[in-house]
Amino acid sequence: MKKTLVALAVLSSVSGVMADVVLSGGVDMAIEHLSSVAGTSGTTTSSNSMTGGQNEYSNIAVTATEDLGNGLSAKVFIDVGVMYSESGGADFTREVYLGISGNDFGTIRMGRMLDPLFLAFATNEPSGAPNMMGGNEGMNAIVLVQGQRSARRSQMTMYETPAMGGAKINLQYATENGTSWGESVGGGISFAAGAFKANYQYESSKDEAILDYFKSNTSEQAATTIAATSSTDSTKRQVLALGYDLGVAKLGFTSAKVEHTAASAVGNQISVGIPLGAWSLSTAYHKATLTNSSDYATTGTMTMAKYAFSKRTAAYFIMGVQEYANASKDTRTQLGLVHNF
């Protein structure tokens, strides 16, 4: 539940217009057991840890809005991740942007925000756990080919049209961000009508490395660079995400393709979410292939059972299995609690 705070400041002493400030967020904590099988030696290792952000994520967000009149409004959004480690702390690399919206104008935002490529996948993901299927191992890796990229894009300006018969068009441009990633341009279209929704996004960027998350599991390698950055590199990404709500179940399908000067990747995922009163069950399967000098493939499954104590608090159990081209495998199980406010 969002909490509206006392207006922080008088933005215009003449008109008396004040900013509405809303505090929101959530805390997600889970006990995780990880079992890894090394494909080269067959050795099995295991570990237990506390983790967060697999089903939801831990964060505190502040949203400030101002009515500008004539159907226009301004919005500031600041999203800070909350660290769960012994030392605590905060992650200020999530989102911060300023935007202006209008009924006839649409919306323009500037700053650091969720990448439309990731949003296309996540918002059409009925399993309810796009992060669990993401990270270095799931469809998120295929959608973004997670090298020096993340689910968020810095220094981005994005424009989205008003809804037109259920459809919205977005366009975005991001400047070069030092050595992390290069200049990019992109756009897409989303559509929602009744039980059906669809989202297609495209992006072209320069000067990015592609890292190999397909070859072997986390116990054997860190992400290996298979295509180094270069001023002449070009990376093109496409994502198509479809969703349909049958009432008794939600269905999802995502297809992603990445083309780099030196390599390409293709991935597909199907998922199902089933509501059962306070309980919900979901499962997803994905397969991805990376091609450069050799071919690598990875497949993964995720199953989640979730029980809602209320609209804001739930317990969940997740099991995910990721298999790699060299016969290595990661198996993760999590038992967690999440509360949103």
Protein backbone atom coordinates (compact mmCIF):
# COMPACT_ATOMS: atom_id res chain seq x y z
CA MET A 1 0.00 0.00 0.00
CA LYS A 2 1.35 3.38 -0.98
CA LYS A 3 1.61 6.09 1.65
CA THR A 4 0.93 9.69 0.60
CA LEU A 5 3.24 12.01 2.52
CA VAL A 6 2.66 15.59 3.58
CA ALA A 7 3.41 17.90 0.66
CA LEU A 8 7.08 18.75 0.84
CA ALA A 9 7.15 22.20 -0.65
CA VAL A 10 5.05 24.99 -2.07
CA LEU A 11 6.03 25.01 -5.73
CA SER A 12 4.25 28.23 -6.54
CA SER A 13 3.50 30.83 -3.91
CA VAL A 14 1.06 32.53 -6.28
CA SER A 15 -1.07 29.53 -7.23
CA GLY A 16 -0.47 27.56 -4.07
CA VAL A 17 0.25 24.40 -6.09
CA MET A 18 1.93 21.73 -3.99
CA ALA A 19 3.72 18.49 -4.81
CA ASP A 20 2.09 15.17 -3.94
CA VAL A 21 4.72 12.79 -2.60
CA VAL A 22 4.13 9.04 -2.37
CA LEU A 23 6.36 6.53 -0.60
CA SER A 24 6.27 2.90 -1.77
CA GLY A 25 8.50 -0.13 -1.87
CA GLY A 26 8.94 -3.69 -0.72
CA VAL A 27 11.16 -6.13 1.12
CA ASP A 28 11.90 -9.62 -0.19
CA MET A 29 14.02 -12.11 1.77
CA ALA A 30 14.66 -15.77 1.01
CA ILE A 31 16.82 -18.67 2.13
CA GLU A 32 18.46 -20.15 -0.98
CA HIS A 33 20.15 -23.49 -1.56
CA LEU A 34 22.37 -23.68 -4.65
CA SER A 35 23.68 -26.97 -6.02
CA SER A 36 26.12 -26.81 -8.94
CA VAL A 37 27.42 -29.67 -11.05
CA ALA A 38 30.63 -28.98 -13.00
CA GLY A 39 30.35 -30.35 -16.51
CA THR A 40 34.07 -30.84 -17.00
CA SER A 41 34.71 -32.86 -13.83
CA GLY A 42 31.25 -33.89 -12.66
CA THR A 43 32.02 -32.42 -9.22
CA THR A 44 29.02 -31.22 -7.22
CA THR A 45 29.22 -28.24 -4.86
CA SER A 46 26.46 -26.71 -2.76
CA SER A 47 25.90 -23.65 -0.60
CA ASN A 48 23.21 -21.93 1.46
CA SER A 49 22.68 -18.18 1.59
CA MET A 50 20.15 -15.45 2.22
CA THR A 51 19.14 -13.64 -0.91
CA GLY A 52 16.56 -11.15 -2.09
CA GLY A 53 15.03 -9.86 -5.27
CA GLN A 54 14.26 -13.16 -6.93
CA ASN A 55 10.50 -12.95 -6.76
CA GLU A 56 10.18 -9.24 -6.09
CA TYR A 57 13.01 -6.98 -4.90
CA SER A 58 13.82 -4.92 -1.85
CA ASN A 59 13.52 -1.20 -2.45
CA ILE A 60 12.22 2.16 -1.28
CA ALA A 61 10.75 4.47 -3.92
CA VAL A 62 9.63 8.09 -3.78
CA THR A 63 7.26 9.52 -6.38
CA ALA A 64 6.57 13.27 -6.52
CA THR A 65 3.93 14.67 -8.89
CA GLU A 66 2.78 18.20 -9.65
CA ASP A 67 -0.28 19.33 -11.59
CA LEU A 68 0.96 21.82 -14.19
CA GLY A 69 -2.48 22.68 -15.47
CA ASN A 70 -3.89 22.32 -18.98
CA GLY A 71 -3.86 18.54 -18.62
CA LEU A 72 -0.12 18.39 -17.96
CA SER A 73 1.67 16.95 -14.92
CA ALA A 74 5.29 16.57 -13.84
CA LYS A 75 6.69 13.47 -12.13
CA VAL A 76 9.93 12.69 -10.32
CA PHE A 77 10.69 9.05 -9.48
CA ILE A 78 13.58 7.88 -7.28
CA ASP A 79 13.98 4.15 -6.62
CA VAL A 80 16.67 2.97 -4.18
CA GLY A 81 17.53 -0.68 -3.63
CA VAL A 82 17.86 -1.89 -0.04
CA MET A 83 20.82 -4.16 0.72
CA TYR A 84 20.24 -7.21 2.90
CA SER A 85 23.87 -8.06 3.63
CA GLU A 86 25.46 -7.79 7.08
CA SER A 87 26.88 -4.38 6.31
CA GLY A 88 23.55 -3.12 4.98
CA GLY A 89 23.54 -0.05 2.78
CA ALA A 90 21.67 1.08 -0.30
CA ASP A 91 21.88 0.55 -4.05
CA PHE A 92 21.49 3.86 -5.85
CA THR A 93 21.81 2.29 -9.31
CA ARG A 94 18.12 1.53 -9.78
CA GLU A 95 15.96 4.33 -11.20
CA VAL A 96 15.83 8.10 -11.09
CA TYR A 97 14.03 10.15 -13.73
CA LEU A 98 11.99 13.28 -14.37
CA GLY A 99 8.99 13.20 -16.66
CA ILE A 100 6.15 15.30 -18.04
CA SER A 101 2.81 13.78 -19.10
CA GLY A 102 -0.30 15.06 -20.81
CA ASN A 103 -3.58 13.52 -21.91
CA ASP A 104 -3.01 14.55 -25.52
CA PHE A 105 0.75 14.92 -25.37
CA GLY A 106 1.83 11.53 -24.04
CA THR A 107 4.82 11.11 -21.72
CA ILE A 108 8.46 12.07 -21.95
CA ARG A 109 11.00 10.91 -19.35
CA MET A 110 14.71 11.59 -18.87
CA GLY A 111 17.18 9.80 -16.57
CA ARG A 112 17.91 6.21 -15.57
CA MET A 113 14.97 3.86 -15.96
CA LEU A 114 13.95 0.31 -16.80
CA ASP A 115 14.94 -0.69 -20.31
CA PRO A 116 11.90 -1.12 -22.62
CA LEU A 117 13.43 -4.45 -23.73
CA PHE A 118 13.24 -5.78 -20.20
CA LEU A 119 9.81 -4.24 -19.56
CA ALA A 120 8.38 -5.99 -22.61
CA PHE A 121 9.48 -9.32 -21.15
CA ALA A 122 8.69 -8.63 -17.49
CA THR A 123 5.23 -7.11 -17.91
CA ASN A 124 4.08 -10.05 -20.04
CA GLU A 125 5.55 -12.66 -17.68
CA PRO A 126 2.69 -14.51 -15.90
CA SER A 127 5.02 -16.63 -13.77
CA GLY A 128 5.36 -13.57 -11.54
CA ALA A 129 9.13 -13.99 -11.18
CA PRO A 130 10.95 -12.31 -14.08
CA ASN A 131 13.96 -11.75 -11.84
CA MET A 132 14.23 -15.44 -10.99
CA MET A 133 14.25 -16.21 -14.69
CA GLY A 134 16.71 -13.39 -15.17
CA GLY A 135 20.06 -12.56 -13.70
CA ASN A 136 22.89 -14.31 -15.48
CA GLU A 137 20.89 -17.38 -16.35
CA GLY A 138 17.42 -16.75 -17.70
CA MET A 139 15.60 -14.96 -20.46
CA ASN A 140 16.82 -11.65 -19.09
CA ALA A 141 20.28 -12.69 -20.23
CA ILE A 142 18.92 -13.36 -23.70
CA VAL A 143 16.86 -10.19 -23.84
CA LEU A 144 19.81 -8.02 -22.89
CA VAL A 145 22.72 -10.41 -23.52
CA GLN A 146 23.81 -9.33 -20.11
CA GLY A 147 27.27 -8.07 -20.58
CA GLN A 148 27.79 -4.60 -19.31
CA ARG A 149 24.04 -4.08 -19.57
CA SER A 150 21.41 -4.42 -16.89
CA ALA A 151 17.63 -4.21 -16.77
CA ARG A 152 18.04 -0.44 -16.51
CA ARG A 153 19.45 2.08 -18.93
CA SER A 154 21.23 5.28 -17.87
CA GLN A 155 21.21 8.63 -19.65
CA MET A 156 18.06 7.75 -21.55
CA THR A 157 15.31 9.94 -22.95
CA MET A 158 12.06 8.14 -23.76
CA TYR A 159 8.79 9.30 -25.28
CA GLU A 160 5.52 7.34 -25.17
CA THR A 161 2.36 8.29 -27.02
CA PRO A 162 -1.09 8.36 -25.43
CA ALA A 163 -3.12 5.16 -25.84
CA MET A 164 -4.57 4.90 -29.33
CA GLY A 165 -7.18 2.15 -29.51
CA GLY A 166 -5.26 0.07 -27.01
CA ALA A 167 -1.87 0.71 -28.63
CA LYS A 168 1.06 2.83 -27.44
CA ILE A 169 4.25 3.68 -29.32
CA ASN A 170 7.53 4.44 -27.55
CA LEU A 171 10.79 5.92 -28.82
CA GLN A 172 14.04 6.22 -26.85
CA TYR A 173 17.58 7.49 -27.17
CA ALA A 174 20.50 6.96 -24.78
CA THR A 175 23.84 8.69 -24.92
CA GLU A 176 27.16 6.91 -24.48
CA ASN A 177 27.84 5.99 -20.86
CA GLY A 178 31.61 6.00 -20.52
CA THR A 179 33.06 2.50 -20.93
CA SER A 180 29.85 0.72 -19.86
CA TRP A 181 27.87 0.93 -23.09
CA GLY A 182 27.53 3.01 -26.19
CA GLU A 183 24.95 5.24 -27.79
CA SER A 184 21.64 3.56 -28.57
CA VAL A 185 18.33 4.28 -30.29
CA GLY A 186 15.18 2.19 -30.18
CA GLY A 187 11.45 2.01 -30.12
CA GLY A 188 8.48 -0.28 -29.96
CA ILE A 189 4.75 -0.74 -29.73
CA SER A 190 2.58 -2.24 -27.00
CA PHE A 191 -1.04 -3.30 -27.35
CA ALA A 192 -3.69 -4.40 -24.86
CA ALA A 193 -7.28 -5.40 -25.59
CA GLY A 194 -9.31 -7.41 -23.11
CA ALA A 195 -7.46 -10.57 -22.15
CA PHE A 196 -4.74 -10.14 -24.79
CA LYS A 197 -1.59 -8.04 -24.63
CA ALA A 198 1.50 -7.79 -26.80
CA ASN A 199 4.74 -5.83 -26.80
CA TYR A 200 7.45 -5.55 -29.46
CA GLN A 201 10.70 -3.64 -28.85
CA TYR A 202 13.77 -2.97 -30.99
CA GLU A 203 17.10 -1.36 -30.13
CA SER A 204 20.33 -0.65 -31.97
CA SER A 205 23.42 0.23 -29.94
CA LYS A 206 27.14 0.73 -30.44
CA ASP A 207 30.32 -0.21 -28.63
CA GLU A 208 29.12 -3.04 -26.38
CA ALA A 209 30.71 -6.29 -25.29
CA ILE A 210 28.73 -9.52 -25.40
CA LEU A 211 29.44 -11.93 -22.59
CA ASP A 212 29.03 -15.70 -22.63
CA TYR A 213 26.55 -16.94 -20.03
CA PHE A 214 25.75 -20.01 -22.11
CA LYS A 215 28.90 -22.07 -21.88
CA SER A 216 29.06 -23.23 -18.28
CA ASN A 217 27.58 -22.64 -14.86
CA THR A 218 28.47 -20.20 -12.11
CA SER A 219 30.78 -22.66 -10.36
CA GLU A 220 33.10 -22.82 -13.36
CA GLN A 221 33.31 -19.38 -14.91
CA ALA A 222 32.55 -15.76 -14.68
CA ALA A 223 31.01 -14.22 -17.75
CA THR A 224 33.51 -14.72 -20.56
CA THR A 225 33.80 -11.97 -23.13
CA ILE A 226 33.16 -13.45 -26.58
CA ALA A 227 32.82 -10.16 -28.42
CA ALA A 228 34.87 -7.27 -27.08
CA THR A 229 33.84 -3.65 -27.29
CA SER A 230 34.89 -1.64 -30.28
CA SER A 231 33.86 1.68 -31.73
CA THR A 232 32.76 -0.20 -34.85
CA ASP A 233 30.63 -2.77 -32.99
CA SER A 234 26.91 -2.79 -33.56
CA THR A 235 24.34 -4.67 -31.48
CA LYS A 236 20.70 -5.06 -32.47
CA ARG A 237 18.10 -6.43 -30.05
CA GLN A 238 14.50 -7.47 -30.66
CA VAL A 239 11.92 -8.70 -28.16
CA LEU A 240 8.39 -9.93 -28.81
CA ALA A 241 6.27 -10.70 -25.73
CA LEU A 242 2.68 -12.01 -25.79
CA GLY A 243 0.26 -12.62 -22.94
CA TYR A 244 -3.29 -13.96 -22.66
CA ASP A 245 -5.50 -14.24 -19.59
CA LEU A 246 -7.86 -17.21 -19.74
CA GLY A 247 -9.28 -16.45 -16.33
CA VAL A 248 -8.31 -19.84 -14.93
CA ALA A 249 -4.71 -19.33 -16.13
CA LYS A 250 -2.40 -16.72 -17.62
CA LEU A 251 -0.25 -17.68 -20.60
CA GLY A 252 2.94 -16.00 -21.75
CA PHE A 253 5.39 -16.29 -24.62
CA THR A 254 8.60 -14.32 -25.17
CA SER A 255 10.97 -14.47 -28.12
CA ALA A 256 14.22 -12.49 -28.15
CA LYS A 257 16.97 -12.10 -30.70
CA VAL A 258 20.31 -10.34 -30.40
CA GLU A 259 22.67 -9.70 -33.32
CA HIS A 260 26.21 -8.48 -32.70
CA THR A 261 29.03 -7.87 -35.14
CA ALA A 262 30.76 -11.02 -33.84
CA ALA A 263 27.95 -13.16 -32.40
CA SER A 264 24.20 -13.68 -32.15
CA ALA A 265 21.76 -15.13 -29.63
CA VAL A 266 18.18 -16.39 -29.88
CA GLY A 267 15.92 -17.33 -26.98
CA ASN A 268 12.31 -18.35 -26.42
CA GLN A 269 10.28 -18.79 -23.26
CA ILE A 270 6.80 -20.10 -22.47
CA SER A 271 5.15 -19.67 -19.08
CA VAL A 272 1.89 -20.34 -17.26
CA GLY A 273 0.45 -18.77 -14.11
CA ILE A 274 -2.55 -20.31 -12.32
CA PRO A 275 -4.46 -18.45 -9.52
CA LEU A 276 -5.97 -20.72 -6.85
CA GLY A 277 -7.54 -18.38 -4.32
CA ALA A 278 -4.84 -17.32 -1.85
CA TRP A 279 -2.46 -19.70 -3.63
CA SER A 280 -0.89 -19.22 -7.05
CA LEU A 281 1.20 -21.65 -9.04
CA SER A 282 3.42 -20.83 -12.01
CA THR A 283 6.00 -22.46 -14.21
CA ALA A 284 8.22 -21.37 -17.09
CA TYR A 285 10.62 -22.97 -19.56
CA HIS A 286 13.18 -21.27 -21.78
CA LYS A 287 15.85 -22.27 -24.26
CA ALA A 288 18.54 -20.07 -25.74
CA THR A 289 21.33 -20.54 -28.25
CA LEU A 290 24.45 -18.43 -28.68
CA THR A 291 26.41 -18.58 -31.93
CA ASN A 292 29.91 -17.33 -32.63
CA SER A 293 32.83 -19.59 -33.52
CA SER A 294 31.00 -22.42 -31.74
CA ASP A 295 27.39 -23.04 -30.77
CA TYR A 296 26.24 -23.05 -27.15
CA ALA A 297 22.78 -23.73 -25.79
CA THR A 298 21.21 -23.36 -22.38
CA THR A 299 17.80 -24.43 -21.09
CA GLY A 300 16.03 -23.56 -17.88
CA THR A 301 12.86 -24.27 -15.92
CA MET A 302 11.33 -22.42 -12.99
CA THR A 303 8.39 -23.44 -10.79
CA MET A 304 6.92 -21.24 -8.07
CA ALA A 305 4.21 -21.72 -5.44
CA LYS A 306 3.05 -18.56 -3.67
CA TYR A 307 0.64 -18.03 -0.77
CA ALA A 308 -0.80 -14.55 -0.16
CA PHE A 309 -1.49 -13.72 3.49
CA SER A 310 -2.88 -10.38 2.31
CA LYS A 311 -2.68 -8.09 -0.71
CA ARG A 312 0.77 -7.00 0.43
CA THR A 313 2.38 -9.98 2.19
CA ALA A 314 3.12 -13.43 0.77
CA ALA A 315 5.32 -16.50 1.23
CA TYR A 316 6.78 -18.36 -1.73
CA PHE A 317 8.79 -21.39 -2.76
CA ILE A 318 10.80 -21.38 -5.99
CA MET A 319 12.81 -24.09 -7.71
CA GLY A 320 14.88 -23.27 -10.79
CA VAL A 321 17.11 -25.52 -12.87
CA GLN A 322 19.56 -24.22 -15.47
CA GLU A 323 21.46 -26.62 -17.75
CA TYR A 324 24.42 -25.56 -19.88
CA ALA A 325 26.07 -26.73 -23.07
CA ASN A 326 28.99 -28.46 -21.35
CA ALA A 327 26.64 -30.62 -19.20
CA SER A 328 27.05 -28.43 -16.13
CA LYS A 329 23.94 -27.55 -14.14
CA ASP A 330 22.72 -25.16 -11.44
CA THR A 331 19.73 -26.02 -9.23
CA ARG A 332 18.34 -23.29 -6.98
CA THR A 333 15.61 -23.64 -4.35
CA GLN A 334 14.28 -20.69 -2.37
CA LEU A 335 11.88 -20.24 0.53
CA GLY A 336 11.01 -16.62 1.08
CA LEU A 337 8.74 -13.87 2.34
CA VAL A 338 7.82 -10.65 0.55
CA HIS A 339 5.94 -7.53 1.71
CA ASN A 340 5.02 -4.55 -0.46
CA PHE A 341 3.87 -1.21 0.86
